[in-house]
Amino acid sequence: MTPRTLYRRIALAEVVTWSLLLIGMVLKYVTKTTDVAVSVFGLAHGVVFIAFCLVTVVLWVNQRWSMRTGILGLLSAVPPLLTVWWEHRLERRGLLEGGWRLAPGGDTPRNPAERVVAALTARPAVAASVLVVAVMALTAVALLVGPPVGSQG
């Protein structure tokens, strides 16, 4: 999977889960019919949000994005439905071009972040496992900390 394909898929998943969460919020706060959708879709969105942020960091390193581009990429996950627009913007600017720069036979890693990405691209199955474990761990921390806003009851 190329960096472009990975980013496109995770950006789309983030938009889908944001949309489902917004539907859940309408059901809870506007129609007052159920709050189950907020719980289910909120968790799904949280998991995909974390995955999007982790993938953004990996691509930031691999694609050698500027600090500004990397930070804007992370921030694009915060407003509803912005990640697909952001991915298209990066595509138009050529910032998703090419393959995994740090894969075996590619560029030599120059810093610790590049060494981590190089190790991950050398073993895609391990990379997927590391991503899943990292998302699970960060989701657990987020659940311990609590929702981003106070609960209304």
N, C-alpha and C. Protein backbone atom coordinates (compact mmCIF):
# COMPACT_ATOMS: atom_id res chain seq x y z
N MET A 1 0.85 -1.18 0.00
CA MET A 1 0.00 0.00 0.00
C MET A 1 0.90 1.24 0.00
N THR A 2 0.61 2.15 -0.88
CA THR A 2 1.41 3.37 -0.98
C THR A 2 1.00 4.35 0.12
N PRO A 3 1.85 5.33 0.40
CA PRO A 3 1.46 6.36 1.37
C PRO A 3 0.16 7.07 0.95
N ARG A 4 0.01 7.34 -0.36
CA ARG A 4 -1.19 8.01 -0.85
C ARG A 4 -2.45 7.18 -0.55
N THR A 5 -2.39 5.89 -0.85
CA THR A 5 -3.54 5.02 -0.63
C THR A 5 -3.88 4.91 0.86
N LEU A 6 -2.86 4.73 1.68
CA LEU A 6 -3.08 4.63 3.13
C LEU A 6 -3.73 5.90 3.66
N TYR A 7 -3.20 7.06 3.26
CA TYR A 7 -3.73 8.32 3.78
C TYR A 7 -5.15 8.57 3.28
N ARG A 8 -5.41 8.23 2.03
CA ARG A 8 -6.76 8.41 1.48
C ARG A 8 -7.76 7.56 2.26
N ARG A 9 -7.40 6.32 2.54
CA ARG A 9 -8.33 5.42 3.25
C ARG A 9 -8.58 5.86 4.68
N ILE A 10 -7.51 6.26 5.38
CA ILE A 10 -7.70 6.65 6.78
C ILE A 10 -8.44 7.99 6.87
N ALA A 11 -8.21 8.89 5.90
CA ALA A 11 -8.94 10.17 5.88
C ALA A 11 -10.43 9.92 5.64
N LEU A 12 -10.74 9.01 4.74
CA LEU A 12 -12.14 8.68 4.46
C LEU A 12 -12.79 8.02 5.68
N ALA A 13 -12.09 7.11 6.32
CA ALA A 13 -12.63 6.46 7.52
C ALA A 13 -12.90 7.50 8.61
N GLU A 14 -12.03 8.50 8.73
CA GLU A 14 -12.21 9.53 9.74
C GLU A 14 -13.47 10.35 9.43
N VAL A 15 -13.69 10.66 8.17
CA VAL A 15 -14.89 11.41 7.77
C VAL A 15 -16.16 10.58 8.03
N VAL A 16 -16.11 9.30 7.72
CA VAL A 16 -17.27 8.44 7.94
C VAL A 16 -17.61 8.37 9.43
N THR A 17 -16.60 8.17 10.28
CA THR A 17 -16.90 8.07 11.71
C THR A 17 -17.34 9.41 12.28
N TRP A 18 -16.79 10.53 11.77
CA TRP A 18 -17.26 11.86 12.19
C TRP A 18 -18.74 12.00 11.82
N SER A 19 -19.09 11.59 10.60
CA SER A 19 -20.48 11.70 10.15
C SER A 19 -21.42 10.88 11.03
N LEU A 20 -21.00 9.65 11.35
CA LEU A 20 -21.82 8.81 12.22
C LEU A 20 -21.96 9.42 13.61
N LEU A 21 -20.89 9.99 14.12
CA LEU A 21 -20.97 10.64 15.43
C LEU A 21 -21.91 11.85 15.37
N LEU A 22 -21.85 12.62 14.31
CA LEU A 22 -22.76 13.76 14.18
C LEU A 22 -24.22 13.30 14.13
N ILE A 23 -24.48 12.20 13.42
CA ILE A 23 -25.83 11.63 13.39
C ILE A 23 -26.25 11.21 14.80
N GLY A 24 -25.34 10.56 15.52
CA GLY A 24 -25.62 10.17 16.89
C GLY A 24 -25.92 11.36 17.78
N MET A 25 -25.20 12.46 17.57
CA MET A 25 -25.44 13.67 18.37
C MET A 25 -26.80 14.28 18.06
N VAL A 26 -27.22 14.22 16.81
CA VAL A 26 -28.56 14.71 16.44
C VAL A 26 -29.61 13.85 17.15
N LEU A 27 -29.42 12.53 17.12
CA LEU A 27 -30.38 11.64 17.79
C LEU A 27 -30.44 11.90 19.29
N LYS A 28 -29.31 12.19 19.89
CA LYS A 28 -29.28 12.40 21.34
C LYS A 28 -29.79 13.78 21.74
N TYR A 29 -29.28 14.83 21.08
CA TYR A 29 -29.55 16.18 21.55
C TYR A 29 -30.71 16.88 20.84
N VAL A 30 -31.00 16.51 19.61
CA VAL A 30 -32.06 17.19 18.88
C VAL A 30 -33.37 16.41 18.99
N THR A 31 -33.33 15.14 18.57
CA THR A 31 -34.57 14.36 18.62
C THR A 31 -34.81 13.73 19.99
N LYS A 32 -33.75 13.67 20.80
CA LYS A 32 -33.81 13.09 22.14
C LYS A 32 -34.37 11.67 22.12
N THR A 33 -34.02 10.89 21.08
CA THR A 33 -34.53 9.53 20.95
C THR A 33 -33.60 8.49 21.56
N THR A 34 -32.29 8.69 21.44
CA THR A 34 -31.36 7.70 21.99
C THR A 34 -29.98 8.32 22.14
N ASP A 35 -29.24 7.82 23.11
CA ASP A 35 -27.85 8.27 23.24
C ASP A 35 -26.87 7.14 22.96
N VAL A 36 -27.39 5.97 22.60
CA VAL A 36 -26.54 4.82 22.30
C VAL A 36 -25.62 5.11 21.11
N ALA A 37 -26.16 5.80 20.11
CA ALA A 37 -25.37 6.09 18.91
C ALA A 37 -24.14 6.93 19.24
N VAL A 38 -24.27 7.87 20.17
CA VAL A 38 -23.12 8.69 20.56
C VAL A 38 -22.05 7.82 21.21
N SER A 39 -22.46 6.89 22.05
CA SER A 39 -21.49 6.00 22.69
C SER A 39 -20.77 5.13 21.68
N VAL A 40 -21.53 4.51 20.80
CA VAL A 40 -20.94 3.59 19.81
C VAL A 40 -20.12 4.36 18.78
N PHE A 41 -20.72 5.37 18.17
CA PHE A 41 -20.02 6.10 17.11
C PHE A 41 -18.92 6.98 17.69
N GLY A 42 -19.09 7.43 18.93
CA GLY A 42 -18.03 8.22 19.58
C GLY A 42 -16.78 7.39 19.78
N LEU A 43 -16.95 6.16 20.23
CA LEU A 43 -15.79 5.27 20.39
C LEU A 43 -15.15 4.96 19.05
N ALA A 44 -15.99 4.65 18.05
CA ALA A 44 -15.44 4.36 16.71
C ALA A 44 -14.68 5.56 16.17
N HIS A 45 -15.24 6.74 16.33
CA HIS A 45 -14.57 7.94 15.84
C HIS A 45 -13.26 8.17 16.61
N GLY A 46 -13.28 7.95 17.90
CA GLY A 46 -12.06 8.13 18.69
C GLY A 46 -10.94 7.22 18.23
N VAL A 47 -11.27 5.98 17.96
CA VAL A 47 -10.28 5.01 17.48
C VAL A 47 -9.71 5.44 16.13
N VAL A 48 -10.58 5.82 15.21
CA VAL A 48 -10.13 6.22 13.87
C VAL A 48 -9.38 7.56 13.94
N PHE A 49 -9.80 8.46 14.80
CA PHE A 49 -9.10 9.74 14.99
C PHE A 49 -7.66 9.48 15.41
N ILE A 50 -7.46 8.60 16.37
CA ILE A 50 -6.11 8.26 16.84
C ILE A 50 -5.31 7.62 15.71
N ALA A 51 -5.93 6.70 14.98
CA ALA A 51 -5.23 6.06 13.86
C ALA A 51 -4.84 7.10 12.80
N PHE A 52 -5.74 8.02 12.50
CA PHE A 52 -5.44 9.07 11.52
C PHE A 52 -4.24 9.89 11.98
N CYS A 53 -4.22 10.26 13.24
CA CYS A 53 -3.10 11.06 13.76
C CYS A 53 -1.78 10.28 13.68
N LEU A 54 -1.79 9.00 14.01
CA LEU A 54 -0.57 8.20 13.93
C LEU A 54 -0.10 8.05 12.48
N VAL A 55 -1.03 7.80 11.57
CA VAL A 55 -0.67 7.68 10.16
C VAL A 55 -0.15 9.02 9.64
N THR A 56 -0.74 10.11 10.08
CA THR A 56 -0.27 11.44 9.68
C THR A 56 1.18 11.64 10.10
N VAL A 57 1.53 11.24 11.32
CA VAL A 57 2.91 11.39 11.79
C VAL A 57 3.85 10.53 10.95
N VAL A 58 3.45 9.30 10.65
CA VAL A 58 4.30 8.42 9.83
C VAL A 58 4.53 9.03 8.45
N LEU A 59 3.46 9.55 7.83
CA LEU A 59 3.62 10.16 6.51
C LEU A 59 4.40 11.47 6.59
N TRP A 60 4.24 12.22 7.65
CA TRP A 60 5.00 13.45 7.88
C TRP A 60 6.49 13.14 7.80
N VAL A 61 6.90 12.06 8.45
CA VAL A 61 8.30 11.65 8.43
C VAL A 61 8.69 11.12 7.05
N ASN A 62 7.89 10.20 6.52
CA ASN A 62 8.23 9.56 5.24
C ASN A 62 8.28 10.55 4.08
N GLN A 63 7.31 11.46 4.05
CA GLN A 63 7.20 12.38 2.92
C GLN A 63 8.02 13.66 3.13
N ARG A 64 8.65 13.76 4.30
CA ARG A 64 9.43 14.96 4.65
C ARG A 64 8.60 16.24 4.54
N TRP A 65 7.41 16.17 5.14
CA TRP A 65 6.57 17.37 5.18
C TRP A 65 7.21 18.40 6.07
N SER A 66 6.89 19.65 5.84
CA SER A 66 7.35 20.72 6.72
C SER A 66 6.62 20.61 8.06
N MET A 67 7.13 21.32 9.05
CA MET A 67 6.47 21.35 10.36
C MET A 67 5.04 21.85 10.21
N ARG A 68 4.85 22.89 9.42
CA ARG A 68 3.53 23.47 9.21
C ARG A 68 2.57 22.44 8.60
N THR A 69 3.02 21.74 7.57
CA THR A 69 2.17 20.74 6.91
C THR A 69 1.81 19.62 7.88
N GLY A 70 2.78 19.13 8.64
CA GLY A 70 2.52 18.06 9.60
C GLY A 70 1.51 18.47 10.66
N ILE A 71 1.69 19.66 11.21
CA ILE A 71 0.77 20.15 12.25
C ILE A 71 -0.62 20.38 11.67
N LEU A 72 -0.69 20.97 10.48
CA LEU A 72 -2.01 21.15 9.84
C LEU A 72 -2.67 19.81 9.55
N GLY A 73 -1.87 18.81 9.20
CA GLY A 73 -2.41 17.47 8.99
C GLY A 73 -3.05 16.92 10.25
N LEU A 74 -2.36 17.09 11.37
CA LEU A 74 -2.93 16.64 12.65
C LEU A 74 -4.19 17.42 13.00
N LEU A 75 -4.14 18.73 12.79
CA LEU A 75 -5.28 19.57 13.13
C LEU A 75 -6.48 19.32 12.21
N SER A 76 -6.24 18.79 11.02
CA SER A 76 -7.35 18.54 10.09
C SER A 76 -8.33 17.50 10.62
N ALA A 77 -7.92 16.72 11.61
CA ALA A 77 -8.80 15.71 12.17
C ALA A 77 -9.77 16.29 13.20
N VAL A 78 -9.53 17.52 13.63
CA VAL A 78 -10.36 18.08 14.71
C VAL A 78 -11.71 18.60 14.20
N PRO A 79 -11.75 19.49 13.20
CA PRO A 79 -13.07 19.92 12.72
C PRO A 79 -13.76 18.77 11.96
N PRO A 80 -15.06 18.68 12.07
CA PRO A 80 -15.76 17.61 11.37
C PRO A 80 -15.52 17.65 9.86
N LEU A 81 -15.25 16.48 9.30
CA LEU A 81 -15.24 16.23 7.87
C LEU A 81 -14.12 16.93 7.08
N LEU A 82 -13.04 17.34 7.72
CA LEU A 82 -11.99 18.09 7.04
C LEU A 82 -10.88 17.20 6.49
N THR A 83 -10.75 15.96 6.96
CA THR A 83 -9.59 15.15 6.58
C THR A 83 -9.56 14.79 5.10
N VAL A 84 -10.71 14.54 4.48
CA VAL A 84 -10.70 14.22 3.06
C VAL A 84 -10.29 15.45 2.25
N TRP A 85 -10.78 16.62 2.61
CA TRP A 85 -10.35 17.85 1.96
C TRP A 85 -8.84 18.02 2.10
N TRP A 86 -8.32 17.77 3.30
CA TRP A 86 -6.88 17.89 3.56
C TRP A 86 -6.09 16.90 2.69
N GLU A 87 -6.56 15.67 2.61
CA GLU A 87 -5.87 14.66 1.80
C GLU A 87 -5.86 15.08 0.33
N HIS A 88 -6.97 15.63 -0.17
CA HIS A 88 -7.02 16.10 -1.56
C HIS A 88 -6.06 17.27 -1.77
N ARG A 89 -5.97 18.13 -0.78
CA ARG A 89 -5.05 19.27 -0.88
C ARG A 89 -3.61 18.78 -0.97
N LEU A 90 -3.24 17.83 -0.12
CA LEU A 90 -1.89 17.26 -0.18
C LEU A 90 -1.63 16.60 -1.53
N GLU A 91 -2.64 15.91 -2.04
CA GLU A 91 -2.52 15.25 -3.34
C GLU A 91 -2.27 16.28 -4.44
N ARG A 92 -3.04 17.34 -4.45
CA ARG A 92 -2.88 18.39 -5.48
C ARG A 92 -1.49 19.04 -5.40
N ARG A 93 -0.95 19.15 -4.21
CA ARG A 93 0.37 19.78 -4.02
C ARG A 93 1.51 18.79 -4.22
N GLY A 94 1.19 17.52 -4.51
CA GLY A 94 2.23 16.52 -4.76
C GLY A 94 2.91 16.01 -3.50
N LEU A 95 2.28 16.21 -2.34
CA LEU A 95 2.90 15.82 -1.08
C LEU A 95 2.60 14.38 -0.66
N LEU A 96 1.89 13.65 -1.52
CA LEU A 96 1.65 12.23 -1.26
C LEU A 96 2.28 11.36 -2.34
N GLU A 97 3.11 11.97 -3.17
CA GLU A 97 3.75 11.26 -4.28
C GLU A 97 4.75 10.22 -3.80
N GLY A 98 4.92 9.20 -4.61
CA GLY A 98 5.97 8.21 -4.37
C GLY A 98 5.57 7.12 -3.40
N GLY A 99 6.54 6.25 -3.19
CA GLY A 99 6.33 5.12 -2.29
C GLY A 99 6.91 5.42 -0.92
N TRP A 100 7.23 4.34 -0.23
CA TRP A 100 7.80 4.47 1.11
C TRP A 100 9.29 4.76 0.97
N ARG A 101 9.63 6.01 1.16
CA ARG A 101 10.99 6.51 0.97
C ARG A 101 12.00 5.76 1.82
N LEU A 102 11.60 5.33 3.00
CA LEU A 102 12.51 4.70 3.96
C LEU A 102 12.44 3.18 3.94
N ALA A 103 11.74 2.62 2.97
CA ALA A 103 11.64 1.16 2.85
C ALA A 103 13.01 0.60 2.49
N PRO A 104 13.21 -0.71 2.68
CA PRO A 104 14.49 -1.32 2.31
C PRO A 104 14.87 -0.98 0.87
N GLY A 105 16.11 -0.56 0.69
CA GLY A 105 16.59 -0.15 -0.63
C GLY A 105 16.35 1.31 -0.93
N GLY A 106 15.66 2.00 -0.02
CA GLY A 106 15.36 3.43 -0.21
C GLY A 106 16.38 4.31 0.49
N ASP A 107 15.93 5.47 0.89
CA ASP A 107 16.80 6.42 1.57
C ASP A 107 17.30 5.87 2.91
N THR A 108 18.48 6.30 3.30
CA THR A 108 19.04 5.92 4.60
C THR A 108 18.44 6.84 5.66
N PRO A 109 17.92 6.26 6.74
CA PRO A 109 17.34 7.09 7.81
C PRO A 109 18.40 8.03 8.40
N ARG A 110 17.99 9.29 8.65
CA ARG A 110 18.92 10.29 9.16
C ARG A 110 18.68 10.70 10.60
N ASN A 111 17.58 10.27 11.18
CA ASN A 111 17.27 10.67 12.56
C ASN A 111 16.43 9.57 13.20
N PRO A 112 16.17 9.68 14.50
CA PRO A 112 15.40 8.62 15.18
C PRO A 112 14.00 8.39 14.58
N ALA A 113 13.31 9.45 14.21
CA ALA A 113 11.97 9.29 13.64
C ALA A 113 12.04 8.51 12.33
N GLU A 114 13.02 8.83 11.50
CA GLU A 114 13.18 8.11 10.23
C GLU A 114 13.58 6.66 10.48
N ARG A 115 14.36 6.39 11.51
CA ARG A 115 14.73 5.00 11.82
C ARG A 115 13.50 4.19 12.22
N VAL A 116 12.59 4.80 12.97
CA VAL A 116 11.35 4.11 13.35
C VAL A 116 10.52 3.80 12.11
N VAL A 117 10.34 4.79 11.24
CA VAL A 117 9.54 4.58 10.02
C VAL A 117 10.22 3.54 9.13
N ALA A 118 11.56 3.58 9.03
CA ALA A 118 12.28 2.58 8.23
C ALA A 118 12.04 1.18 8.78
N ALA A 119 12.09 1.04 10.09
CA ALA A 119 11.85 -0.28 10.70
C ALA A 119 10.42 -0.76 10.42
N LEU A 120 9.47 0.16 10.46
CA LEU A 120 8.08 -0.21 10.20
C LEU A 120 7.86 -0.58 8.74
N THR A 121 8.45 0.17 7.83
CA THR A 121 8.25 -0.13 6.41
C THR A 121 8.98 -1.40 5.98
N ALA A 122 9.98 -1.80 6.74
CA ALA A 122 10.70 -3.04 6.42
C ALA A 122 9.86 -4.27 6.76
N ARG A 123 8.90 -4.10 7.67
CA ARG A 123 8.06 -5.21 8.11
C ARG A 123 6.60 -4.75 8.19
N PRO A 124 5.89 -4.76 7.07
CA PRO A 124 4.52 -4.25 7.06
C PRO A 124 3.57 -4.93 8.04
N ALA A 125 3.70 -6.24 8.23
CA ALA A 125 2.82 -6.93 9.18
C ALA A 125 3.09 -6.46 10.60
N VAL A 126 4.36 -6.27 10.91
CA VAL A 126 4.72 -5.74 12.24
C VAL A 126 4.21 -4.31 12.37
N ALA A 127 4.35 -3.52 11.30
CA ALA A 127 3.87 -2.14 11.32
C ALA A 127 2.37 -2.09 11.61
N ALA A 128 1.60 -2.95 10.95
CA ALA A 128 0.15 -2.98 11.19
C ALA A 128 -0.14 -3.36 12.64
N SER A 129 0.61 -4.33 13.17
CA SER A 129 0.42 -4.75 14.56
C SER A 129 0.78 -3.62 15.53
N VAL A 130 1.86 -2.93 15.25
CA VAL A 130 2.28 -1.81 16.10
C VAL A 130 1.22 -0.71 16.07
N LEU A 131 0.67 -0.43 14.89
CA LEU A 131 -0.38 0.58 14.77
C LEU A 131 -1.60 0.18 15.59
N VAL A 132 -2.01 -1.08 15.49
CA VAL A 132 -3.18 -1.55 16.23
C VAL A 132 -2.94 -1.44 17.74
N VAL A 133 -1.78 -1.88 18.19
CA VAL A 133 -1.47 -1.81 19.63
C VAL A 133 -1.40 -0.36 20.09
N ALA A 134 -0.78 0.50 19.29
CA ALA A 134 -0.69 1.92 19.67
C ALA A 134 -2.07 2.55 19.75
N VAL A 135 -2.93 2.25 18.78
CA VAL A 135 -4.29 2.79 18.79
C VAL A 135 -5.05 2.28 20.02
N MET A 136 -4.90 0.99 20.31
CA MET A 136 -5.58 0.42 21.49
C MET A 136 -5.08 1.09 22.78
N ALA A 137 -3.78 1.26 22.90
CA ALA A 137 -3.21 1.86 24.11
C ALA A 137 -3.68 3.31 24.26
N LEU A 138 -3.62 4.08 23.18
CA LEU A 138 -4.04 5.47 23.25
C LEU A 138 -5.55 5.59 23.47
N THR A 139 -6.32 4.67 22.93
CA THR A 139 -7.76 4.66 23.17
C THR A 139 -8.04 4.37 24.64
N ALA A 140 -7.30 3.42 25.22
CA ALA A 140 -7.47 3.11 26.64
C ALA A 140 -7.16 4.33 27.50
N VAL A 141 -6.10 5.04 27.16
CA VAL A 141 -5.76 6.27 27.91
C VAL A 141 -6.89 7.29 27.76
N ALA A 142 -7.39 7.46 26.54
CA ALA A 142 -8.47 8.42 26.31
C ALA A 142 -9.72 8.04 27.10
N LEU A 143 -10.02 6.75 27.18
CA LEU A 143 -11.20 6.30 27.95
C LEU A 143 -11.01 6.55 29.44
N LEU A 144 -9.78 6.39 29.92
CA LEU A 144 -9.49 6.69 31.32
C LEU A 144 -9.61 8.17 31.64
N VAL A 145 -9.15 9.00 30.72
CA VAL A 145 -9.21 10.44 30.92
C VAL A 145 -10.65 10.94 30.84
N GLY A 146 -11.42 10.37 29.94
CA GLY A 146 -12.81 10.76 29.80
C GLY A 146 -13.08 11.50 28.51
N PRO A 147 -14.34 11.82 28.26
CA PRO A 147 -14.72 12.50 27.02
C PRO A 147 -14.12 13.90 26.95
N PRO A 148 -14.01 14.44 25.73
CA PRO A 148 -13.40 15.76 25.56
C PRO A 148 -14.21 16.89 26.15
N VAL A 149 -15.50 16.67 26.39
CA VAL A 149 -16.35 17.68 27.02
C VAL A 149 -17.09 17.03 28.17
N GLY A 150 -17.53 17.83 29.11
CA GLY A 150 -18.27 17.29 30.24
C GLY A 150 -19.55 16.61 29.81
N SER A 151 -19.91 15.56 30.52
CA SER A 151 -21.13 14.84 30.15
C SER A 151 -22.35 15.62 30.60
N GLN A 152 -23.37 15.57 29.79
CA GLN A 152 -24.64 16.22 30.14
C GLN A 152 -25.59 15.14 30.60
N GLY A 153 -26.21 15.38 31.65
CA GLY A 153 -26.99 14.29 32.12
C GLY A 153 -28.35 14.52 32.44
